N, C-alpha and C. Protein backbone atom coordinates (compact mmCIF):
# COMPACT_ATOMS: atom_id res chain seq x y z
N UNK A 1 110.30 106.77 93.24
CA UNK A 1 109.54 105.89 94.12
C UNK A 1 109.46 104.48 93.56
N UNK A 2 109.40 104.34 92.23
CA UNK A 2 109.30 103.02 91.63
C UNK A 2 110.51 102.16 91.95
N UNK A 3 111.69 102.74 91.93
CA UNK A 3 112.91 102.00 92.26
C UNK A 3 112.88 101.53 93.71
N UNK A 4 112.37 102.38 94.60
CA UNK A 4 112.27 102.00 96.02
C UNK A 4 111.28 100.86 96.20
N UNK A 5 110.16 100.93 95.50
CA UNK A 5 109.15 99.88 95.59
C UNK A 5 109.70 98.56 95.07
N UNK A 6 110.42 98.61 93.95
CA UNK A 6 111.01 97.40 93.38
C UNK A 6 112.04 96.81 94.33
N UNK A 7 112.85 97.67 94.93
CA UNK A 7 113.88 97.20 95.87
C UNK A 7 113.25 96.56 97.10
N UNK A 8 112.18 97.18 97.62
CA UNK A 8 111.53 96.61 98.80
C UNK A 8 110.84 95.29 98.47
N UNK A 9 110.21 95.21 97.29
CA UNK A 9 109.57 93.96 96.87
C UNK A 9 110.61 92.86 96.71
N UNK A 10 111.75 93.19 96.11
CA UNK A 10 112.83 92.21 95.94
C UNK A 10 113.37 91.76 97.29
N UNK A 11 113.54 92.69 98.21
CA UNK A 11 114.02 92.36 99.55
C UNK A 11 113.06 91.39 100.23
N UNK A 12 111.77 91.69 100.17
CA UNK A 12 110.77 90.81 100.79
C UNK A 12 110.81 89.42 100.16
N UNK A 13 110.89 89.38 98.85
CA UNK A 13 110.92 88.09 98.15
C UNK A 13 112.16 87.29 98.53
N UNK A 14 113.32 87.95 98.58
CA UNK A 14 114.56 87.26 98.93
C UNK A 14 114.56 86.74 100.35
N UNK A 15 113.87 87.44 101.24
CA UNK A 15 113.82 87.03 102.65
C UNK A 15 112.67 86.06 102.93
N UNK A 16 111.85 85.80 101.90
CA UNK A 16 110.71 84.91 102.10
C UNK A 16 109.58 85.56 102.87
N UNK A 17 109.55 86.88 102.86
CA UNK A 17 108.52 87.62 103.59
C UNK A 17 107.42 88.07 102.63
N UNK A 18 106.20 88.21 103.12
CA UNK A 18 105.15 88.73 102.25
C UNK A 18 105.38 90.20 101.92
N UNK A 19 105.07 90.55 100.70
CA UNK A 19 105.16 91.95 100.29
C UNK A 19 103.98 92.68 100.92
N UNK A 20 104.22 93.85 101.51
CA UNK A 20 103.11 94.58 102.13
C UNK A 20 101.96 94.80 101.14
N UNK A 21 100.74 94.56 101.59
CA UNK A 21 99.58 94.67 100.72
C UNK A 21 99.25 96.10 100.37
N UNK A 22 98.73 96.28 99.19
CA UNK A 22 98.31 97.60 98.73
C UNK A 22 99.50 98.45 98.32
N UNK A 23 99.23 99.54 97.70
CA UNK A 23 100.26 100.51 97.36
C UNK A 23 101.13 100.09 96.20
N UNK A 24 102.15 100.88 96.00
CA UNK A 24 103.02 100.73 94.85
C UNK A 24 103.85 99.45 94.89
N UNK A 25 104.21 99.01 96.06
CA UNK A 25 105.02 97.79 96.18
C UNK A 25 104.24 96.59 95.66
N UNK A 26 103.01 96.45 96.10
CA UNK A 26 102.19 95.33 95.63
C UNK A 26 101.91 95.44 94.13
N UNK A 27 101.66 96.63 93.64
CA UNK A 27 101.42 96.82 92.21
C UNK A 27 102.63 96.39 91.39
N UNK A 28 103.81 96.77 91.85
CA UNK A 28 105.05 96.41 91.14
C UNK A 28 105.24 94.89 91.15
N UNK A 29 104.97 94.25 92.27
CA UNK A 29 105.08 92.80 92.37
C UNK A 29 104.12 92.15 91.37
N UNK A 30 102.89 92.61 91.35
CA UNK A 30 101.89 92.03 90.44
C UNK A 30 102.28 92.23 88.98
N UNK A 31 102.83 93.39 88.65
CA UNK A 31 103.31 93.63 87.28
C UNK A 31 104.38 92.62 86.89
N UNK A 32 105.32 92.38 87.81
CA UNK A 32 106.41 91.43 87.52
C UNK A 32 105.88 90.01 87.37
N UNK A 33 104.92 89.62 88.20
CA UNK A 33 104.34 88.28 88.09
C UNK A 33 103.64 88.13 86.75
N UNK A 34 102.84 89.10 86.37
CA UNK A 34 102.12 89.03 85.09
C UNK A 34 103.11 89.00 83.93
N UNK A 35 104.13 89.83 83.99
CA UNK A 35 105.15 89.85 82.94
C UNK A 35 105.77 88.46 82.77
N UNK A 36 106.08 87.83 83.88
CA UNK A 36 106.69 86.50 83.83
C UNK A 36 105.71 85.44 83.32
N UNK A 37 104.45 85.50 83.79
CA UNK A 37 103.46 84.52 83.35
C UNK A 37 103.16 84.62 81.86
N UNK A 38 103.30 85.81 81.30
CA UNK A 38 103.06 86.00 79.87
C UNK A 38 104.29 85.69 79.02
N UNK A 39 105.41 85.38 79.66
CA UNK A 39 106.63 85.07 78.91
C UNK A 39 106.45 83.80 78.09
N UNK A 40 107.22 83.70 77.02
CA UNK A 40 107.15 82.51 76.15
C UNK A 40 107.44 81.23 76.94
N UNK A 41 108.42 81.28 77.83
CA UNK A 41 108.79 80.10 78.60
C UNK A 41 107.63 79.59 79.45
N UNK A 42 106.97 80.49 80.18
CA UNK A 42 105.85 80.07 81.02
C UNK A 42 104.67 79.60 80.19
N UNK A 43 104.44 80.23 79.05
CA UNK A 43 103.35 79.81 78.18
C UNK A 43 103.62 78.43 77.59
N UNK A 44 104.87 78.14 77.30
CA UNK A 44 105.25 76.87 76.69
C UNK A 44 105.39 75.75 77.73
N UNK A 45 106.06 76.04 78.85
CA UNK A 45 106.40 75.02 79.83
C UNK A 45 105.45 74.93 81.02
N UNK A 46 104.70 76.00 81.27
CA UNK A 46 103.86 76.05 82.46
C UNK A 46 104.60 76.73 83.60
N UNK A 47 103.97 76.78 84.77
CA UNK A 47 104.58 77.50 85.88
C UNK A 47 104.00 77.01 87.20
N UNK A 48 104.72 77.29 88.27
CA UNK A 48 104.27 77.02 89.62
C UNK A 48 104.42 78.32 90.39
N UNK A 49 103.35 78.75 91.00
CA UNK A 49 103.38 79.96 91.82
C UNK A 49 103.50 79.55 93.28
N UNK A 50 104.50 80.04 93.94
CA UNK A 50 104.69 79.75 95.36
C UNK A 50 104.64 81.07 96.11
N UNK A 51 103.68 81.21 97.01
CA UNK A 51 103.56 82.43 97.78
C UNK A 51 102.82 83.55 97.07
N UNK A 52 102.21 83.24 95.95
CA UNK A 52 101.42 84.22 95.22
C UNK A 52 100.20 83.51 94.68
N UNK A 53 99.04 83.99 94.90
CA UNK A 53 98.65 85.22 95.56
C UNK A 53 98.57 85.04 97.07
N UNK A 54 98.72 86.13 97.78
CA UNK A 54 98.62 86.12 99.24
C UNK A 54 97.38 86.86 99.74
N UNK A 55 96.67 87.53 98.85
CA UNK A 55 95.46 88.23 99.27
C UNK A 55 94.48 88.29 98.10
N UNK A 56 93.28 88.78 98.36
CA UNK A 56 92.22 88.80 97.34
C UNK A 56 92.59 89.69 96.15
N UNK A 57 93.26 90.80 96.39
CA UNK A 57 93.65 91.67 95.28
C UNK A 57 94.61 90.96 94.34
N UNK A 58 95.60 90.27 94.89
CA UNK A 58 96.56 89.55 94.07
C UNK A 58 95.90 88.40 93.33
N UNK A 59 94.90 87.81 93.93
CA UNK A 59 94.18 86.69 93.30
C UNK A 59 93.53 87.11 91.99
N UNK A 60 93.08 88.34 91.90
CA UNK A 60 92.39 88.82 90.71
C UNK A 60 93.32 89.25 89.58
N UNK A 61 94.57 89.48 89.88
CA UNK A 61 95.51 90.03 88.90
C UNK A 61 95.68 89.16 87.66
N UNK A 62 95.97 87.85 87.78
CA UNK A 62 96.14 87.07 86.55
C UNK A 62 94.91 87.08 85.64
N UNK A 63 93.73 86.92 86.19
CA UNK A 63 92.51 86.90 85.38
C UNK A 63 92.29 88.25 84.69
N UNK A 64 92.63 89.33 85.35
CA UNK A 64 92.49 90.66 84.76
C UNK A 64 93.32 90.78 83.49
N UNK A 65 94.42 90.05 83.43
CA UNK A 65 95.31 90.06 82.27
C UNK A 65 95.09 88.85 81.37
N UNK A 66 93.92 88.22 81.48
CA UNK A 66 93.53 87.06 80.67
C UNK A 66 94.47 85.87 80.87
N UNK A 67 94.97 85.71 82.09
CA UNK A 67 95.77 84.54 82.44
C UNK A 67 94.88 83.70 83.36
N UNK A 68 94.50 82.53 82.89
CA UNK A 68 93.58 81.70 83.65
C UNK A 68 94.32 80.48 84.18
N UNK A 69 94.20 80.25 85.46
CA UNK A 69 94.87 79.14 86.13
C UNK A 69 93.81 78.09 86.42
N UNK A 70 93.99 76.91 85.85
CA UNK A 70 92.96 75.88 85.92
C UNK A 70 93.22 74.81 86.97
N UNK A 71 94.44 74.69 87.42
CA UNK A 71 94.76 73.66 88.40
C UNK A 71 95.46 74.29 89.59
N UNK A 72 95.02 73.91 90.76
CA UNK A 72 95.58 74.44 92.00
C UNK A 72 95.97 73.28 92.90
N UNK A 73 97.03 73.45 93.63
CA UNK A 73 97.41 72.52 94.68
C UNK A 73 97.59 73.36 95.94
N UNK A 74 96.87 73.02 96.97
CA UNK A 74 96.99 73.72 98.24
C UNK A 74 97.69 72.79 99.22
N UNK A 75 98.80 73.23 99.75
CA UNK A 75 99.55 72.42 100.70
C UNK A 75 99.53 73.12 102.05
N UNK A 76 99.03 72.42 103.04
CA UNK A 76 99.00 72.94 104.40
C UNK A 76 100.03 72.18 105.21
N UNK A 77 100.95 72.89 105.81
CA UNK A 77 101.99 72.27 106.62
C UNK A 77 101.63 72.51 108.08
N UNK A 78 101.36 71.44 108.77
CA UNK A 78 100.97 71.51 110.17
C UNK A 78 102.18 71.86 111.02
N UNK A 79 102.02 72.83 111.89
CA UNK A 79 103.11 73.27 112.74
C UNK A 79 103.14 72.38 113.99
N UNK A 80 104.04 71.42 114.03
CA UNK A 80 104.09 70.47 115.14
C UNK A 80 104.62 71.10 116.42
N UNK A 81 105.22 72.27 116.32
CA UNK A 81 105.82 72.89 117.50
C UNK A 81 104.81 73.67 118.32
N UNK A 82 103.62 73.91 117.79
CA UNK A 82 102.58 74.64 118.53
C UNK A 82 101.46 73.69 118.96
N UNK A 83 101.83 72.55 119.46
CA UNK A 83 100.83 71.56 119.87
C UNK A 83 100.21 71.96 121.18
């Protein structure tokens, strides 16, 4: 099941789609994000998260692993086609 969850998470990420919330797929995604944030490169150079977190559960994951994010930039893109 873990391989299936990883494959589905990768598919969603490659297509720019949100990973379904809850369950093994979201857990696997969060594990990968934490693994990357704890890497030497991210600790040395910093990082930009795009599309993560997408829900309240994902928002808590970095802090649970003692990864504290101090600066946020929120960008809202207005959809001009739905006027």
